[in-house]
Each structure stands twice: as C-alpha cells, then as structure tokens.
Amino acid sequence: MDDRVAEMMALDTSIYLPDDVLVKVDRASMAASLEVRSPLLDHRVVELAWSLPNDLRFDGRVGKLVLRRLLERRVPPALFDRPKQGFGIPIEDWIRGPLRDLAADAVSPERLSVLGVVDPDRAAAKFDEHVSGRRNWGRHLWTLIMLDAWQDTWLGTQDSNRHQRREAVC
C-alpha cells in the first residue's frame, strides 16, 4: 500500500471519523431519539478495506470501487453514483429566530469592545441586514457568537443575566 494512502486512511480512522463525522451523527441521531449503526465500520469491513490494494480503492477519479461494484449488483446507480450530500444546520434561520437575542448580545458594542478586534458598527450593520432578510450574514454572525462564547469562557466576561439567556437558548 502506498504510504500516503495509508497515512490518509489512518488519519481518517483516528481523527476525522471519531472527532468529526461520528460525533455529528451521534448528536443528530440522539436529538431525534434514533439509535444509529455504522455497518461499514464493522472491524471485519475495516480490516478488509485496509488489506485491499490501492487500485481496488480508487481509480484516479472515483473511490470505494469494491463497494460500488457490490452495490451495482443490487442497487440502481442513481442511488449511489452521485455527488455527496451533506446536511447543514439552519444557522441563518436560527439567528433570525431563537438565537436572535443571543446574536444581538454578541454583536453589541459592549461585547465587541472587550477584545477590540471587530468593528462594532460593521457588526451591527450586518446583524440588521441579516435579521431584516436583506442579506445573509449567518456564518459571519455565527463566528461572532462563538467569539463571544470564547470571551466568556476564557476571559470571564459573562454576567449572570447573559448566562441565563444563553442557557435558555442552548
């Protein structure tokens, strides 16, 4: 096996899956009271995947060749021969709805002045444009909400009223 391929597989197995993908699946399934299994992570399947030569894993443009060949026997290609589809969280809608007060707090001049790295006027303008629906600044505002939470955690800048509001939403 090519060392670079082995290195990427090892990183996926030890970091990407447990610290990212499986955490998200676990949280999403628990939120919906579902018990989820990952049959392709059964140790026998993983051991088989690790034992395959690279030309059975990837042909230069398409991956998971062995799995695709097995699927072709039983499943219409339209169900597996397509681009990945992830799922996103509706941050934009949340900031206009249940997280609106939390976002307003995070972009307030008082909060932004603590670090002095964000222009409060620009942040307020983006917030106003977002909640009015004129522009979508959801990802930018989410970053400011996370900066605000970081401030509270590491700089101890949270007062009890803000803490109660954050706990009520989160």
C-alpha atoms as a PDB file:
ATOM      1  CA  MET A   1       0.000   0.000   0.000  1.00  0.00           C
ATOM      2  CA  ASP A   2       1.220   3.469  -0.828  1.00  0.00           C
ATOM      3  CA  ASP A   3       2.440   5.199   2.343  1.00  0.00           C
ATOM      4  CA  ARG A   4       0.441   8.375   1.601  1.00  0.00           C
ATOM      5  CA  VAL A   5      -2.786   6.398   1.196  1.00  0.00           C
ATOM      6  CA  ALA A   6      -2.097   4.508   4.422  1.00  0.00           C
ATOM      7  CA  GLU A   7      -1.384   7.790   6.195  1.00  0.00           C
ATOM      8  CA  MET A   8      -4.659   9.325   4.974  1.00  0.00           C
ATOM      9  CA  MET A   9      -6.620   6.225   5.976  1.00  0.00           C
ATOM     10  CA  ALA A  10      -5.011   6.256   9.418  1.00  0.00           C
ATOM     11  CA  LEU A  11      -5.866   9.935   9.891  1.00  0.00           C
ATOM     12  CA  ASP A  12      -9.460   9.335   8.807  1.00  0.00           C
ATOM     13  CA  THR A  13      -9.731   6.387  11.185  1.00  0.00           C
ATOM     14  CA  SER A  14      -8.118   8.025  14.199  1.00  0.00           C
ATOM     15  CA  ILE A  15      -9.180  11.673  13.853  1.00  0.00           C
ATOM     16  CA  TYR A  16     -11.776  12.523  11.196  1.00  0.00           C
ATOM     17  CA  LEU A  17     -14.258   9.756  11.982  1.00  0.00           C
ATOM     18  CA  PRO A  18     -14.254   9.859  15.814  1.00  0.00           C
ATOM     19  CA  ASP A  19     -13.712  13.605  16.212  1.00  0.00           C
ATOM     20  CA  ASP A  20     -15.993  14.841  13.435  1.00  0.00           C
ATOM     21  CA  VAL A  21     -18.273  12.581  11.419  1.00  0.00           C
ATOM     22  CA  LEU A  22     -19.307  10.143  14.151  1.00  0.00           C
ATOM     23  CA  VAL A  23     -19.810  12.935  16.693  1.00  0.00           C
ATOM     24  CA  LYS A  24     -22.190  14.707  14.314  1.00  0.00           C
ATOM     25  CA  VAL A  25     -24.082  11.510  13.528  1.00  0.00           C
ATOM     26  CA  ASP A  26     -24.334  10.712  17.227  1.00  0.00           C
ATOM     27  CA  ARG A  27     -25.657  14.155  18.150  1.00  0.00           C
ATOM     28  CA  ALA A  28     -28.134  14.281  15.278  1.00  0.00           C
ATOM     29  CA  SER A  29     -29.437  10.786  15.956  1.00  0.00           C
ATOM     30  CA  MET A  30     -29.748  11.404  19.709  1.00  0.00           C
ATOM     31  CA  ALA A  31     -31.668  14.618  19.038  1.00  0.00           C
ATOM     32  CA  ALA A  32     -34.182  12.543  17.063  1.00  0.00           C
ATOM     33  CA  SER A  33     -34.160   9.650  19.574  1.00  0.00           C
ATOM     34  CA  LEU A  34     -32.656   7.307  16.999  1.00  0.00           C
ATOM     35  CA  GLU A  35     -30.154   4.534  17.512  1.00  0.00           C
ATOM     36  CA  VAL A  36     -27.725   4.609  14.598  1.00  0.00           C
ATOM     37  CA  ARG A  37     -25.328   1.918  13.469  1.00  0.00           C
ATOM     38  CA  SER A  38     -22.356   2.279  11.151  1.00  0.00           C
ATOM     39  CA  PRO A  39     -22.135  -1.126   9.487  1.00  0.00           C
ATOM     40  CA  LEU A  40     -19.252  -0.115   7.229  1.00  0.00           C
ATOM     41  CA  LEU A  41     -17.174   0.449  10.366  1.00  0.00           C
ATOM     42  CA  ASP A  42     -17.514  -3.154  11.496  1.00  0.00           C
ATOM     43  CA  HIS A  43     -13.978  -4.350  12.217  1.00  0.00           C
ATOM     44  CA  ARG A  44     -14.181  -7.035   9.511  1.00  0.00           C
ATOM     45  CA  VAL A  45     -15.107  -4.475   6.843  1.00  0.00           C
ATOM     46  CA  VAL A  46     -12.380  -2.097   8.015  1.00  0.00           C
ATOM     47  CA  GLU A  47      -9.785  -4.887   8.032  1.00  0.00           C
ATOM     48  CA  LEU A  48     -10.804  -5.880   4.505  1.00  0.00           C
ATOM     49  CA  ALA A  49     -10.554  -2.254   3.324  1.00  0.00           C
ATOM     50  CA  TRP A  50      -7.068  -1.957   4.816  1.00  0.00           C
ATOM     51  CA  SER A  51      -5.967  -5.153   3.065  1.00  0.00           C
ATOM     52  CA  LEU A  52      -7.063  -4.086  -0.433  1.00  0.00           C
ATOM     53  CA  PRO A  53      -4.565  -2.836  -2.987  1.00  0.00           C
ATOM     54  CA  ASN A  54      -4.944   0.818  -3.969  1.00  0.00           C
ATOM     55  CA  ASP A  55      -6.255   0.031  -7.456  1.00  0.00           C
ATOM     56  CA  LEU A  56      -9.349  -1.538  -5.844  1.00  0.00           C
ATOM     57  CA  ARG A  57      -9.898   1.537  -3.679  1.00  0.00           C
ATOM     58  CA  PHE A  58      -9.514   4.338  -6.199  1.00  0.00           C
ATOM     59  CA  ASP A  59      -9.226   4.502  -9.996  1.00  0.00           C
ATOM     60  CA  GLY A  60      -7.949   8.073 -10.257  1.00  0.00           C
ATOM     61  CA  ARG A  61     -11.363   9.726 -10.182  1.00  0.00           C
ATOM     62  CA  VAL A  62     -13.763   7.520  -8.204  1.00  0.00           C
ATOM     63  CA  GLY A  63     -13.224   5.959  -4.794  1.00  0.00           C
ATOM     64  CA  LYS A  64     -14.687   2.973  -2.937  1.00  0.00           C
ATOM     65  CA  LEU A  65     -14.517   0.839  -6.071  1.00  0.00           C
ATOM     66  CA  VAL A  66     -15.175  -2.502  -4.379  1.00  0.00           C
ATOM     67  CA  LEU A  67     -18.205  -1.129  -2.569  1.00  0.00           C
ATOM     68  CA  ARG A  68     -19.507   0.423  -5.794  1.00  0.00           C
ATOM     69  CA  ARG A  69     -19.115  -2.882  -7.655  1.00  0.00           C
ATOM     70  CA  LEU A  70     -21.064  -4.690  -4.938  1.00  0.00           C
ATOM     71  CA  LEU A  71     -23.801  -2.065  -4.995  1.00  0.00           C
ATOM     72  CA  GLU A  72     -24.126  -2.244  -8.793  1.00  0.00           C
ATOM     73  CA  ARG A  73     -25.401  -5.819  -8.399  1.00  0.00           C
ATOM     74  CA  ARG A  74     -28.373  -4.842  -6.211  1.00  0.00           C
ATOM     75  CA  VAL A  75     -28.962  -1.084  -6.208  1.00  0.00           C
ATOM     76  CA  PRO A  76     -29.782   1.310  -9.051  1.00  0.00           C
ATOM     77  CA  PRO A  77     -26.732   3.510  -9.814  1.00  0.00           C
ATOM     78  CA  ALA A  78     -28.811   6.661  -9.305  1.00  0.00           C
ATOM     79  CA  LEU A  79     -28.825   5.872  -5.584  1.00  0.00           C
ATOM     80  CA  PHE A  80     -25.053   5.687  -5.148  1.00  0.00           C
ATOM     81  CA  ASP A  81     -23.383   7.154  -8.231  1.00  0.00           C
ATOM     82  CA  ARG A  82     -23.915  10.800  -7.372  1.00  0.00           C
ATOM     83  CA  PRO A  83     -22.167  13.611  -5.509  1.00  0.00           C
ATOM     84  CA  LYS A  84     -22.140  13.583  -1.719  1.00  0.00           C
ATOM     85  CA  GLN A  85     -24.941  15.419   0.017  1.00  0.00           C
ATOM     86  CA  GLY A  86     -24.196  16.711   3.451  1.00  0.00           C
ATOM     87  CA  PHE A  87     -26.618  18.293   5.802  1.00  0.00           C
ATOM     88  CA  GLY A  88     -26.252  21.729   7.195  1.00  0.00           C
ATOM     89  CA  ILE A  89     -27.684  23.377  10.214  1.00  0.00           C
ATOM     90  CA  PRO A  90     -30.003  26.340   9.635  1.00  0.00           C
ATOM     91  CA  ILE A  91     -27.805  28.900  11.391  1.00  0.00           C
ATOM     92  CA  GLU A  92     -29.224  31.698   9.262  1.00  0.00           C
ATOM     93  CA  ASP A  93     -32.788  30.931  10.365  1.00  0.00           C
ATOM     94  CA  TRP A  94     -31.784  30.403  13.985  1.00  0.00           C
ATOM     95  CA  ILE A  95     -30.143  33.836  14.138  1.00  0.00           C
ATOM     96  CA  ARG A  96     -33.353  35.371  12.815  1.00  0.00           C
ATOM     97  CA  GLY A  97     -35.388  33.309  15.295  1.00  0.00           C
ATOM     98  CA  PRO A  98     -34.461  31.556  18.545  1.00  0.00           C
ATOM     99  CA  LEU A  99     -30.835  32.792  18.598  1.00  0.00           C
ATOM    100  CA  ARG A 100     -31.682  36.391  17.734  1.00  0.00           C
ATOM    101  CA  ASP A 101     -31.191  37.758  21.264  1.00  0.00           C
ATOM    102  CA  LEU A 102     -28.002  35.767  21.709  1.00  0.00           C
ATOM    103  CA  ALA A 103     -26.643  37.163  18.434  1.00  0.00           C
ATOM    104  CA  ALA A 104     -27.713  40.696  19.350  1.00  0.00           C
ATOM    105  CA  ASP A 105     -25.777  40.375  22.612  1.00  0.00           C
ATOM    106  CA  ALA A 106     -22.723  39.015  20.800  1.00  0.00           C
ATOM    107  CA  VAL A 107     -22.593  41.941  18.352  1.00  0.00           C
ATOM    108  CA  SER A 108     -23.310  44.636  20.912  1.00  0.00           C
ATOM    109  CA  PRO A 109     -20.633  47.354  21.172  1.00  0.00           C
ATOM    110  CA  GLU A 110     -20.067  46.447  24.830  1.00  0.00           C
ATOM    111  CA  ARG A 111     -19.223  42.855  23.973  1.00  0.00           C
ATOM    112  CA  LEU A 112     -17.171  43.620  20.875  1.00  0.00           C
ATOM    113  CA  SER A 113     -15.138  46.291  22.640  1.00  0.00           C
ATOM    114  CA  VAL A 114     -13.713  43.744  25.106  1.00  0.00           C
ATOM    115  CA  LEU A 115     -11.288  42.359  22.520  1.00  0.00           C
ATOM    116  CA  GLY A 116     -11.258  45.320  20.182  1.00  0.00           C
ATOM    117  CA  VAL A 117     -10.773  43.211  17.062  1.00  0.00           C
ATOM    118  CA  VAL A 118     -14.176  43.670  15.412  1.00  0.00           C
ATOM    119  CA  ASP A 119     -15.690  46.964  14.238  1.00  0.00           C
ATOM    120  CA  PRO A 120     -18.947  47.259  16.240  1.00  0.00           C
ATOM    121  CA  ASP A 121     -20.626  49.444  13.586  1.00  0.00           C
ATOM    122  CA  ARG A 122     -19.969  46.936  10.804  1.00  0.00           C
ATOM    123  CA  ALA A 123     -21.116  44.051  13.012  1.00  0.00           C
ATOM    124  CA  ALA A 124     -24.334  45.906  13.912  1.00  0.00           C
ATOM    125  CA  ALA A 125     -24.971  46.676  10.229  1.00  0.00           C
ATOM    126  CA  LYS A 126     -24.502  43.020   9.275  1.00  0.00           C
ATOM    127  CA  PHE A 127     -26.814  41.935  12.097  1.00  0.00           C
ATOM    128  CA  ASP A 128     -29.519  44.408  10.990  1.00  0.00           C
ATOM    129  CA  GLU A 129     -29.224  43.339   7.345  1.00  0.00           C
ATOM    130  CA  HIS A 130     -29.406  39.696   8.348  1.00  0.00           C
ATOM    131  CA  VAL A 131     -32.438  39.837  10.646  1.00  0.00           C
ATOM    132  CA  SER A 132     -34.298  42.030   8.141  1.00  0.00           C
ATOM    133  CA  GLY A 133     -33.665  39.433   5.449  1.00  0.00           C
ATOM    134  CA  ARG A 134     -31.842  41.856   3.135  1.00  0.00           C
ATOM    135  CA  ARG A 135     -28.585  39.864   3.266  1.00  0.00           C
ATOM    136  CA  ASN A 136     -27.440  36.537   4.624  1.00  0.00           C
ATOM    137  CA  TRP A 137     -24.676  37.141   7.156  1.00  0.00           C
ATOM    138  CA  GLY A 138     -25.435  33.983   9.160  1.00  0.00           C
ATOM    139  CA  ARG A 139     -21.973  32.436   9.004  1.00  0.00           C
ATOM    140  CA  HIS A 140     -20.293  35.722   9.891  1.00  0.00           C
ATOM    141  CA  LEU A 141     -22.649  36.305  12.799  1.00  0.00           C
ATOM    142  CA  TRP A 142     -22.154  32.711  13.986  1.00  0.00           C
ATOM    143  CA  THR A 143     -18.431  33.414  14.137  1.00  0.00           C
ATOM    144  CA  LEU A 144     -19.119  36.432  16.341  1.00  0.00           C
ATOM    145  CA  ILE A 145     -21.401  34.375  18.586  1.00  0.00           C
ATOM    146  CA  MET A 146     -18.598  31.831  19.005  1.00  0.00           C
ATOM    147  CA  LEU A 147     -16.090  34.619  19.679  1.00  0.00           C
ATOM    148  CA  ASP A 148     -18.449  35.914  22.339  1.00  0.00           C
ATOM    149  CA  ALA A 149     -18.735  32.463  23.927  1.00  0.00           C
ATOM    150  CA  TRP A 150     -14.937  32.154  23.842  1.00  0.00           C
ATOM    151  CA  GLN A 151     -14.659  35.510  25.624  1.00  0.00           C
ATOM    152  CA  ASP A 152     -16.995  34.328  28.338  1.00  0.00           C
ATOM    153  CA  THR A 153     -15.154  31.053  28.795  1.00  0.00           C
ATOM    154  CA  TRP A 154     -11.575  32.296  28.701  1.00  0.00           C
ATOM    155  CA  LEU A 155     -11.837  35.912  29.790  1.00  0.00           C
ATOM    156  CA  GLY A 156     -14.646  35.522  32.323  1.00  0.00           C
ATOM    157  CA  THR A 157     -16.756  38.286  30.778  1.00  0.00           C
ATOM    158  CA  GLN A 158     -20.187  36.730  31.251  1.00  0.00           C
ATOM    159  CA  ASP A 159     -22.692  38.239  33.666  1.00  0.00           C
ATOM    160  CA  SER A 160     -25.460  36.152  35.248  1.00  0.00           C
ATOM    161  CA  ASN A 161     -28.259  37.555  33.034  1.00  0.00           C
ATOM    162  CA  ARG A 162     -26.354  36.683  29.854  1.00  0.00           C
ATOM    163  CA  HIS A 163     -25.602  33.239  31.274  1.00  0.00           C
ATOM    164  CA  GLN A 164     -29.309  32.616  31.934  1.00  0.00           C
ATOM    165  CA  ARG A 165     -30.273  33.779  28.432  1.00  0.00           C
ATOM    166  CA  ARG A 166     -27.602  31.591  26.809  1.00  0.00           C
ATOM    167  CA  GLU A 167     -28.639  28.556  28.878  1.00  0.00           C
ATOM    168  CA  ALA A 168     -32.297  29.102  27.913  1.00  0.00           C
ATOM    169  CA  VAL A 169     -31.433  29.039  24.210  1.00  0.00           C
ATOM    170  CA  CYS A 170     -28.720  26.387  24.194  1.00  0.00           C
END
